[in-house]
Amino acid sequence: MANITYIEFNGTTHTVEVADGKSVMEGARDNSIPGIEADCGGACACSTCHVYVAPEWVEKLPAMGVMEEEMVDFAYASDPARSRLTCQIKVTDDLDGLIVHLPEKQI
C-alpha cells in the first residue's frame, strides 16, 4: 500500500491508500477523487487522467513510455517536466507519499 496525495486545482487535498499494482488513476477513481476523468479506463488512449507530479517526485517515477509521451501532448496545459498520465503510473511501496496536482481541467 502507498499513501497518494491528490491536490485539486482549488487546493483541496485528498490522501488515500492505494494498493500495490493499481495505477494512480485507479486510486483516484476508486476513491472518488474529483478531477480525474479517465475516459479511456486506463488504456493510455486519452489524456483525461493528466496530473502534475510534485517536483520532488519527478525523478523518482519510472520514465514515460512512448504512448504516454504522445498522449501527454494532448493534455490541457501540459508541462514537459512534470506532466504524467496517472493510468501509466503503477503503485508500489516506493511511491508511498507521492503527491500529484490536478490541472484546472481535463480534455
Protein backbone atom coordinates (compact mmCIF):
# COMPACT_ATOMS: atom_id res chain seq x y z
CA MET A 1 0.00 0.00 0.00
CA ALA A 2 1.05 3.55 -0.66
CA ASN A 3 -0.45 6.82 0.50
CA ILE A 4 -1.01 9.01 -2.54
CA THR A 5 -1.98 12.68 -2.19
CA TYR A 6 -4.10 14.24 -4.91
CA ILE A 7 -4.38 18.03 -4.80
CA GLU A 8 -7.28 19.52 -6.72
CA PHE A 9 -6.78 22.73 -8.73
CA ASN A 10 -8.65 24.63 -5.99
CA GLY A 11 -6.22 23.34 -3.35
CA THR A 12 -8.43 20.66 -1.81
CA THR A 13 -6.22 17.77 -0.72
CA HIS A 14 -7.13 14.07 -0.69
CA THR A 15 -4.72 11.48 0.72
CA VAL A 16 -5.77 7.89 0.13
CA GLU A 17 -4.23 4.43 0.40
CA VAL A 18 -3.77 2.71 -2.95
CA ALA A 19 -2.94 -0.97 -3.24
CA ASP A 20 0.28 -2.10 -4.90
CA GLY A 21 -0.27 -2.98 -8.54
CA LYS A 22 -3.09 -0.50 -9.08
CA SER A 23 -2.48 2.65 -11.06
CA VAL A 24 -2.53 6.12 -9.56
CA MET A 25 -5.60 6.70 -11.79
CA GLU A 26 -7.39 3.68 -10.29
CA GLY A 27 -6.62 5.03 -6.83
CA ALA A 28 -8.33 8.31 -7.75
CA ARG A 29 -11.29 6.58 -9.41
CA ASP A 30 -11.81 4.07 -6.60
CA ASN A 31 -11.77 6.87 -4.02
CA SER A 32 -13.97 9.30 -5.99
CA ILE A 33 -11.27 11.95 -6.32
CA PRO A 34 -12.71 14.75 -8.48
CA GLY A 35 -10.68 15.90 -11.46
CA ILE A 36 -9.53 12.53 -12.82
CA GLU A 37 -11.97 11.60 -15.57
CA ALA A 38 -10.13 8.59 -17.03
CA ASP A 39 -12.38 8.40 -20.08
CA CYS A 40 -10.43 5.52 -21.66
CA GLY A 41 -10.37 3.48 -18.46
CA GLY A 42 -6.59 3.32 -18.30
CA ALA A 43 -5.77 2.29 -21.87
CA CYS A 44 -3.47 5.30 -22.45
CA ALA A 45 -5.79 6.41 -25.25
CA CYS A 46 -6.71 9.84 -23.89
CA SER A 47 -5.25 12.43 -21.55
CA THR A 48 -8.10 12.79 -19.06
CA CYS A 49 -6.09 11.43 -16.13
CA HIS A 50 -3.35 14.05 -16.52
CA VAL A 51 -1.61 15.41 -13.42
CA TYR A 52 1.44 17.44 -12.49
CA VAL A 53 3.79 15.40 -10.33
CA ALA A 54 5.23 17.28 -7.35
CA PRO A 55 8.79 18.36 -8.24
CA GLU A 56 10.41 16.19 -5.56
CA TRP A 57 8.78 13.09 -7.12
CA VAL A 58 9.57 13.64 -10.81
CA GLU A 59 12.88 11.78 -10.77
CA LYS A 60 11.56 9.00 -8.51
CA LEU A 61 8.96 7.78 -11.02
CA PRO A 62 9.69 5.34 -13.83
CA ALA A 63 10.29 7.00 -17.19
CA MET A 64 7.37 7.57 -19.53
CA GLY A 65 6.75 5.12 -22.33
CA VAL A 66 6.29 6.29 -25.91
CA MET A 67 2.48 6.08 -25.79
CA GLU A 68 2.31 8.17 -22.63
CA GLU A 69 4.68 10.76 -24.10
CA GLU A 70 2.43 11.10 -27.14
CA MET A 71 -0.78 11.36 -25.11
CA VAL A 72 0.62 13.92 -22.65
CA ASP A 73 0.98 16.27 -25.63
CA PHE A 74 -2.84 16.33 -25.84
CA ALA A 75 -3.33 17.18 -22.16
CA TYR A 76 -4.56 20.59 -21.07
CA ALA A 77 -1.63 22.89 -20.22
CA SER A 78 0.90 20.08 -20.13
CA ASP A 79 4.27 20.70 -18.51
CA PRO A 80 7.15 18.81 -20.13
CA ALA A 81 8.91 18.47 -16.77
CA ARG A 82 6.00 17.44 -14.53
CA SER A 83 3.04 16.16 -16.58
CA ARG A 84 2.16 12.49 -16.34
CA LEU A 85 -0.85 10.29 -17.06
CA THR A 86 -1.92 8.58 -13.86
CA CYS A 87 -3.08 5.47 -15.71
CA GLN A 88 0.56 4.77 -16.54
CA ILE A 89 1.97 5.06 -13.01
CA LYS A 90 1.76 1.73 -11.18
CA VAL A 91 1.69 1.92 -7.41
CA THR A 92 4.43 0.25 -5.39
CA ASP A 93 5.60 0.76 -1.82
CA ASP A 94 8.26 3.08 -3.27
CA LEU A 95 5.52 5.56 -4.18
CA ASP A 96 4.35 5.98 -0.58
CA GLY A 97 3.92 9.75 -0.14
CA LEU A 98 3.55 10.57 -3.85
CA ILE A 99 1.93 13.97 -4.45
CA VAL A 100 0.14 14.87 -7.67
CA HIS A 101 -1.57 18.14 -8.58
CA LEU A 102 -4.65 18.13 -10.77
CA PRO A 103 -4.92 20.56 -13.69
CA GLU A 104 -7.67 23.15 -13.98
CA LYS A 105 -9.50 20.84 -16.39
CA GLN A 106 -9.08 17.64 -18.39
CA ILE A 107 -9.52 17.49 -22.17
